Protein backbone atom coordinates (compact mmCIF):
# COMPACT_ATOMS: atom_id res chain seq x y z
CA MET A 1 -169.25 26.92 -155.20
CA ASN A 2 -169.65 26.31 -151.92
CA MET A 3 -169.90 29.21 -149.48
CA ILE A 4 -168.30 29.00 -146.32
CA LYS A 5 -171.06 27.91 -143.43
CA THR A 6 -173.77 30.23 -142.47
CA GLY A 7 -173.67 28.26 -139.14
CA LEU A 8 -170.54 30.64 -138.27
CA LEU A 9 -173.21 33.14 -137.65
CA THR A 10 -175.05 31.69 -134.76
CA GLY A 11 -172.13 32.54 -132.12
CA ALA A 12 -171.28 35.52 -133.52
CA LEU A 13 -175.12 36.99 -133.36
CA THR A 14 -174.73 35.55 -129.67
CA LEU A 15 -171.16 37.68 -128.68
CA GLY A 16 -172.90 40.33 -131.47
CA GLY A 17 -174.38 42.53 -127.61
CA PHE A 18 -171.45 42.00 -124.78
CA MET A 19 -168.98 42.90 -127.02
CA ALA A 20 -170.57 46.50 -129.19
CA GLN A 21 -170.15 48.08 -125.32
CA ALA A 22 -166.08 47.71 -126.05
CA GLN A 23 -163.98 48.72 -129.00
CA ASP A 24 -163.29 46.57 -130.96
CA ASP A 25 -160.01 47.18 -133.36
CA VAL A 26 -160.94 46.30 -137.13
CA THR A 27 -157.42 47.84 -140.12
CA LEU A 28 -158.41 48.03 -143.66
CA GLN A 29 -155.82 48.50 -145.94
CA LEU A 30 -156.89 49.93 -149.33
CA LYS A 31 -155.59 48.43 -152.59
CA TRP A 32 -154.38 51.88 -153.94
CA VAL A 33 -153.66 55.43 -152.12
CA THR A 34 -156.30 57.78 -150.19
CA GLN A 35 -158.81 58.72 -152.50
CA ALA A 36 -162.76 59.32 -153.74
CA GLN A 37 -162.30 55.41 -154.65
CA PHE A 38 -162.47 54.80 -150.54
CA ALA A 39 -164.41 57.41 -150.28
CA GLY A 40 -167.50 55.13 -148.35
CA TYR A 41 -164.61 54.52 -145.33
CA TYR A 42 -163.36 57.00 -144.77
CA VAL A 43 -167.57 57.79 -144.91
CA ALA A 44 -167.80 56.42 -142.18
CA LEU A 45 -164.65 57.02 -139.84
CA GLU A 46 -165.76 60.99 -140.00
CA ASN A 47 -169.04 60.49 -139.78
CA GLY A 48 -169.00 58.68 -136.85
CA TYR A 49 -170.36 54.96 -138.08
CA TYR A 50 -167.71 52.64 -137.36
CA GLU A 51 -168.15 54.45 -133.15
CA ASP A 52 -171.69 53.51 -133.41
CA GLU A 53 -171.60 50.22 -134.63
CA GLY A 54 -168.27 50.12 -131.85
CA LEU A 55 -165.68 49.82 -133.81
CA ASN A 56 -162.31 51.27 -133.37
CA VAL A 57 -161.13 50.86 -137.17
CA GLU A 58 -157.80 51.98 -139.02
CA ILE A 59 -157.21 53.32 -142.65
CA LYS A 60 -154.06 51.73 -143.99
CA ALA A 61 -154.15 53.94 -147.74
CA GLY A 62 -152.05 51.66 -149.98
CA GLY A 63 -149.20 52.55 -153.35
CA PRO A 64 -147.45 51.07 -156.22
CA ASP A 65 -145.98 48.97 -153.05
CA VAL A 66 -148.56 47.68 -151.44
CA ALA A 67 -149.98 44.87 -152.37
CA PRO A 68 -152.92 43.42 -149.94
CA THR A 69 -152.50 40.18 -150.83
CA GLN A 70 -149.24 40.32 -149.15
CA VAL A 71 -150.21 42.07 -146.44
CA LEU A 72 -153.35 40.73 -145.25
CA ALA A 73 -150.85 36.65 -145.84
CA GLY A 74 -148.68 38.26 -143.16
CA GLY A 75 -151.27 39.81 -140.74
CA GLY A 76 -151.44 44.62 -141.45
CA ALA A 77 -154.83 43.55 -141.92
CA ASP A 78 -158.09 42.50 -141.06
CA VAL A 79 -159.94 43.48 -143.97
CA VAL A 80 -158.41 43.97 -147.33
CA ILE A 81 -159.55 46.00 -150.45
CA ASP A 82 -158.94 44.04 -153.64
CA TRP A 83 -159.92 42.86 -157.09
CA MET A 84 -161.60 39.21 -157.67
CA PRO A 85 -159.11 38.25 -160.42
CA SER A 86 -156.20 39.08 -158.25
CA ALA A 87 -158.18 37.60 -154.98
CA LEU A 88 -159.22 34.73 -157.31
CA SER A 89 -155.69 34.17 -159.17
CA ALA A 90 -154.09 34.74 -155.13
CA ARG A 91 -156.95 31.86 -153.18
CA GLU A 92 -155.90 29.67 -156.66
CA LYS A 93 -152.54 29.74 -155.88
CA GLY A 94 -153.02 28.54 -151.90
CA LEU A 95 -153.18 31.68 -150.35
CA PRO A 96 -157.33 31.18 -148.90
CA LEU A 97 -158.42 34.26 -149.64
CA VAL A 98 -163.01 35.00 -149.37
CA ASN A 99 -165.10 37.60 -150.40
CA ILE A 100 -167.26 38.70 -147.68
CA ALA A 101 -168.65 41.94 -149.20
CA GLN A 102 -169.28 43.80 -153.29
CA PRO A 103 -169.71 47.43 -152.67
CA PHE A 104 -168.50 48.13 -156.72
CA LYS A 105 -171.73 47.04 -158.74
CA SER A 106 -170.04 48.06 -162.19
CA SER A 107 -166.82 47.87 -163.50
CA GLY A 108 -164.53 51.21 -163.98
CA MET A 109 -161.48 49.86 -165.96
CA MET A 110 -161.02 51.22 -169.46
CA LEU A 111 -158.95 51.05 -172.23
CA THR A 112 -158.16 54.45 -174.03
CA CYS A 113 -156.19 54.61 -177.25
CA ARG A 114 -155.36 57.45 -179.12
CA ARG A 115 -157.39 57.61 -182.79
CA ASP A 116 -154.37 58.72 -184.15
CA ALA A 117 -152.77 55.19 -183.61
CA GLY A 118 -155.06 53.42 -185.58
CA VAL A 119 -157.56 52.51 -183.23
CA GLU A 120 -161.22 52.80 -183.82
CA SER A 121 -162.73 49.14 -182.69
CA THR A 122 -160.87 45.53 -181.31
CA ALA A 123 -159.49 44.57 -184.92
CA ASP A 124 -157.85 47.51 -184.79
CA PHE A 125 -155.17 45.98 -182.19
CA ALA A 126 -153.55 43.68 -183.82
CA GLY A 127 -150.04 44.76 -184.40
CA LYS A 128 -150.69 47.51 -181.29
CA THR A 129 -148.39 48.19 -178.08
CA LEU A 130 -150.97 48.68 -174.57
CA GLY A 131 -149.75 49.80 -172.44
CA VAL A 132 -151.35 47.35 -169.49
CA TRP A 133 -151.29 47.33 -165.11
CA PHE A 134 -149.40 44.11 -163.06
CA PHE A 135 -149.31 43.72 -159.48
CA GLY A 136 -152.77 41.60 -160.53
CA ASN A 137 -154.76 43.98 -161.96
CA GLU A 138 -154.03 42.45 -165.93
CA PHE A 139 -155.46 39.56 -165.73
CA PRO A 140 -158.91 41.07 -167.30
CA PHE A 141 -157.55 42.15 -169.66
CA LEU A 142 -155.35 38.99 -170.46
CA SER A 143 -158.67 36.81 -170.17
CA TRP A 144 -160.05 39.86 -172.66
CA MET A 145 -156.73 38.97 -175.23
CA ALA A 146 -157.60 35.36 -175.05
CA GLN A 147 -161.11 35.59 -175.34
CA LEU A 148 -160.11 37.73 -178.57
CA GLY A 149 -158.07 35.16 -180.12
CA LEU A 150 -154.73 37.97 -179.50
CA SER A 151 -151.00 37.01 -178.50
CA THR A 152 -149.63 38.88 -175.91
CA ASP A 153 -146.52 38.60 -177.02
CA GLY A 154 -146.75 40.96 -179.28
CA GLY A 155 -146.12 40.98 -183.67
CA PRO A 156 -147.99 41.26 -186.36
CA ASP A 157 -150.58 39.14 -184.94
CA GLY A 158 -150.84 39.89 -181.66
CA VAL A 159 -150.09 41.99 -179.21
CA THR A 160 -147.13 44.08 -177.10
CA VAL A 161 -147.84 44.42 -173.87
CA LEU A 162 -145.86 47.41 -172.34
CA LYS A 163 -145.33 47.05 -168.94
CA GLN A 164 -147.53 50.52 -167.26
CA GLY A 165 -146.90 52.32 -164.67
CA PHE A 166 -149.26 54.31 -162.13
CA ASN A 167 -150.08 57.14 -164.69
CA VAL A 168 -150.82 57.17 -168.06
CA ASP A 169 -147.51 58.69 -170.15
CA PRO A 170 -147.29 55.89 -172.80
CA ILE A 171 -150.22 57.11 -174.27
CA LEU A 172 -148.83 60.67 -173.85
CA GLN A 173 -145.61 59.81 -175.20
CA GLY A 174 -146.37 57.89 -178.49
CA GLN A 175 -145.08 54.30 -176.92
CA ALA A 176 -148.24 53.43 -176.18
CA ALA A 177 -151.17 53.78 -178.66
CA CYS A 178 -153.53 52.57 -175.96
CA VAL A 179 -152.92 52.69 -172.05
CA SER A 180 -155.54 51.38 -169.06
CA THR A 181 -157.76 53.94 -167.81
CA MET A 182 -160.40 53.96 -164.67
CA THR A 183 -163.36 56.19 -165.29
CA TYR A 184 -162.85 58.10 -162.26
CA ASN A 185 -158.92 58.57 -163.07
CA GLU A 186 -156.44 57.97 -164.98
CA TYR A 187 -159.03 58.67 -168.11
CA TRP A 188 -159.37 62.61 -166.30
CA GLN A 189 -155.93 62.74 -166.18
CA ILE A 190 -155.88 62.52 -170.00
CA ILE A 191 -158.39 65.11 -171.24
CA ASP A 192 -156.33 67.19 -168.55
CA ALA A 193 -153.13 66.74 -169.94
CA GLY A 194 -154.89 68.39 -173.45
CA LEU A 195 -156.27 65.24 -175.47
CA THR A 196 -159.75 65.80 -176.10
CA PRO A 197 -162.87 62.86 -176.55
CA GLU A 198 -163.04 62.69 -179.45
CA GLU A 199 -159.37 62.11 -180.01
CA LEU A 200 -159.66 58.71 -178.52
CA THR A 201 -161.34 55.49 -178.16
CA VAL A 202 -162.88 53.83 -175.24
CA PHE A 203 -163.18 49.66 -174.41
CA LYS A 204 -164.84 49.97 -171.40
CA TYR A 205 -164.28 46.37 -170.14
CA GLN A 206 -168.53 46.58 -168.84
CA ASP A 207 -169.20 46.78 -172.39
CA GLN A 208 -166.86 44.66 -173.98
CA GLY A 209 -168.15 41.44 -171.66
CA VAL A 210 -165.33 40.24 -170.36
CA ALA A 211 -165.47 43.24 -167.52
CA THR A 212 -165.03 41.53 -163.36
CA LEU A 213 -165.19 42.26 -160.02
CA GLU A 214 -163.77 45.62 -158.49
CA ASP A 215 -162.60 46.38 -154.78
CA GLY A 216 -164.54 43.71 -153.11
CA LEU A 217 -163.43 43.12 -149.70
CA TYR A 218 -161.63 40.05 -148.86
CA VAL A 219 -160.60 38.51 -145.12
CA LEU A 220 -158.78 35.48 -144.99
CA GLU A 221 -160.97 32.51 -144.76
CA GLU A 222 -159.29 30.77 -141.67
CA ASN A 223 -160.46 33.71 -139.51
CA LEU A 224 -163.77 33.45 -140.58
CA ALA A 225 -163.87 30.03 -137.89
CA ASP A 226 -163.48 32.80 -135.48
CA PRO A 227 -167.20 33.97 -133.84
CA GLU A 228 -165.45 37.08 -132.59
CA PHE A 229 -164.33 37.76 -135.84
CA VAL A 230 -167.14 36.74 -137.93
CA ASP A 231 -168.70 40.14 -135.37
CA ARG A 232 -166.54 42.40 -136.44
CA MET A 233 -166.60 41.99 -139.92
CA VAL A 234 -170.96 41.78 -139.89
CA ARG A 235 -170.30 45.41 -137.86
CA PHE A 236 -167.57 46.87 -139.84
CA VAL A 237 -169.50 46.00 -143.26
CA ARG A 238 -173.31 47.12 -141.78
CA ALA A 239 -171.17 50.41 -140.70
CA SER A 240 -168.97 51.12 -144.43
CA MET A 241 -172.34 50.80 -146.36
CA LYS A 242 -173.98 53.27 -144.42
CA GLY A 243 -170.23 55.72 -145.54
CA TRP A 244 -171.17 54.61 -148.93
CA LYS A 245 -174.90 55.22 -149.88
CA TRP A 246 -173.75 58.99 -147.40
CA ALA A 247 -171.09 59.31 -150.35
CA GLU A 248 -172.48 58.01 -153.37
CA GLU A 249 -175.98 60.71 -151.92
CA ASN A 250 -173.12 64.00 -151.09
CA PRO A 251 -170.46 63.39 -153.61
CA ASP A 252 -169.28 67.20 -153.11
CA ALA A 253 -169.02 66.19 -148.69
CA ALA A 254 -167.83 62.77 -149.07
CA ALA A 255 -165.02 64.51 -151.38
CA GLU A 256 -163.70 66.96 -149.05
CA ILE A 257 -164.11 64.22 -146.62
CA VAL A 258 -161.57 61.90 -149.04
CA LEU A 259 -159.76 64.98 -148.72
CA GLU A 260 -158.79 65.63 -145.31
CA TYR A 261 -157.53 62.04 -144.58
CA ASP A 262 -154.77 62.04 -147.35
CA GLU A 263 -151.77 63.41 -145.69
CA THR A 264 -149.34 64.00 -149.33
CA GLY A 265 -151.57 66.79 -150.10
CA ALA A 266 -151.35 65.31 -153.51
CA GLN A 267 -155.02 66.11 -154.21
CA THR A 268 -157.02 68.55 -154.80
CA LEU A 269 -161.37 69.17 -154.31
CA GLU A 270 -162.05 69.56 -158.21
CA HIS A 271 -159.52 65.70 -159.20
CA GLN A 272 -161.63 64.25 -155.75
CA THR A 273 -165.18 65.46 -156.31
CA ARG A 274 -164.86 64.24 -160.05
CA MET A 275 -164.01 61.07 -159.51
CA MET A 276 -166.60 60.57 -156.36
CA GLY A 277 -168.85 61.60 -159.63
CA GLU A 278 -167.67 58.23 -161.43
CA VAL A 279 -166.96 56.00 -157.91
CA ALA A 280 -170.73 56.93 -157.36
CA LEU A 281 -172.20 55.17 -160.86
CA LEU A 282 -169.72 52.10 -159.26
CA THR A 283 -171.71 51.52 -156.51
CA ALA A 284 -175.24 52.55 -156.82
CA GLY A 285 -177.40 49.30 -157.07
CA SER A 286 -175.39 47.99 -154.73
CA ASN A 287 -176.41 46.84 -151.12
CA GLY A 288 -173.16 45.39 -150.69
CA ALA A 289 -173.79 42.19 -150.62
CA LEU A 290 -172.05 39.74 -153.34
CA ASP A 291 -174.30 39.78 -156.88
CA VAL A 292 -173.46 35.76 -157.00
CA ALA A 293 -174.62 35.95 -161.02
CA ASP A 294 -171.35 38.77 -161.00
CA TYR A 295 -169.32 36.07 -159.12
CA GLU A 296 -169.69 33.79 -161.98
CA ARG A 297 -169.63 36.03 -164.93
CA THR A 298 -166.11 36.83 -163.63
CA VAL A 299 -165.65 33.63 -163.08
CA GLN A 300 -166.24 32.40 -166.47
CA SER A 301 -163.74 35.02 -167.83
CA LEU A 302 -160.75 34.53 -165.79
CA LEU A 303 -161.58 30.91 -166.78
CA ALA A 304 -161.73 31.14 -170.47
CA GLY A 305 -157.83 32.15 -170.89
CA GLY A 306 -157.02 30.12 -173.40
CA ASP A 307 -153.71 28.35 -172.70
CA ASP A 308 -153.62 30.55 -169.86
CA PRO A 309 -155.81 31.21 -167.49
CA VAL A 310 -156.44 33.23 -165.68
CA ILE A 311 -157.72 30.49 -163.25
CA THR A 312 -157.78 26.72 -163.93
CA LYS A 313 -160.85 25.01 -162.06
CA GLU A 314 -163.73 26.71 -160.66
CA PRO A 315 -163.28 28.11 -157.18
CA SER A 316 -164.80 26.67 -153.65
CA GLY A 317 -165.87 28.49 -151.13
CA ALA A 318 -163.98 31.25 -152.40
CA TRP A 319 -167.11 34.11 -151.53
CA THR A 320 -169.99 34.53 -148.47
CA SER A 321 -172.94 35.92 -146.89
CA ILE A 322 -172.82 35.78 -143.48
CA ILE A 323 -171.64 38.68 -143.06
CA THR A 324 -173.79 40.61 -145.23
CA ASP A 325 -176.56 38.81 -144.25
CA ALA A 326 -176.22 39.68 -140.63
CA ALA A 327 -175.06 43.12 -141.99
CA LEU A 328 -178.00 44.26 -144.34
CA ASN A 329 -181.04 42.39 -142.48
């Protein structure tokens, strides 16, 4: 595991005082639509934390047709939010993504199943149809199934994978015994649709020992050779983490801020308030710096993929602490 050389930081800090006088542009690409999953960034924007750091930040909402890694590769953003399995897979395939900060400490990913479909434990997965998100979100699931010794090609001794849209219709309509959910979003869609917690079996990836890091901040490795870029990212991460801690302490107000920036009008205050409460549990315990133990756990989980692992070798240079070392000290 090789970090980007910390020597890059010296020039950035020398220039820092000068550059902070100007409003430097930073474009952030979200992994999904505007919602409380990204509250810290909207709080930092609304509360003036970015402006205080001399930054003019544009936050681009994501969606089902937006792949953050592709946006970054195409020059459409300076920094993106992505899950580490997707980022490490992209890095091994040739796109040199580097994690510069990790606001999310815990995983919110779950598999939510109907008890009346005969699922009480992981031993009941065999022969069942399971809904799975793709577009890079499938990697933790595939590693988990491999570790359970379950084929994803169907049959009585494996599981049938249903390519799940970003909704919970398959479990409501009986198309799948289980669907992918997040603690802060889709699980509550199932509850709101009429199923009760007692009718469901929930498998949190965190509890299954297969949790991988979610919602980290990633940049292109080549940009870290530019002291001005490094300086902008130091200021961006510092302001963003200030936003996240404010959001944790003021979840109701943070939800209201998110709603102000939702241009679709599709969100409700009730849903965003509930989401913010759950997201705060995932960001709690993180000051933005990547925990090396969490990184190693993620890597080992992705390597343990049987004949078709998510990544085939230990990554090198996939993360750096130079940004958070400067931003948090």
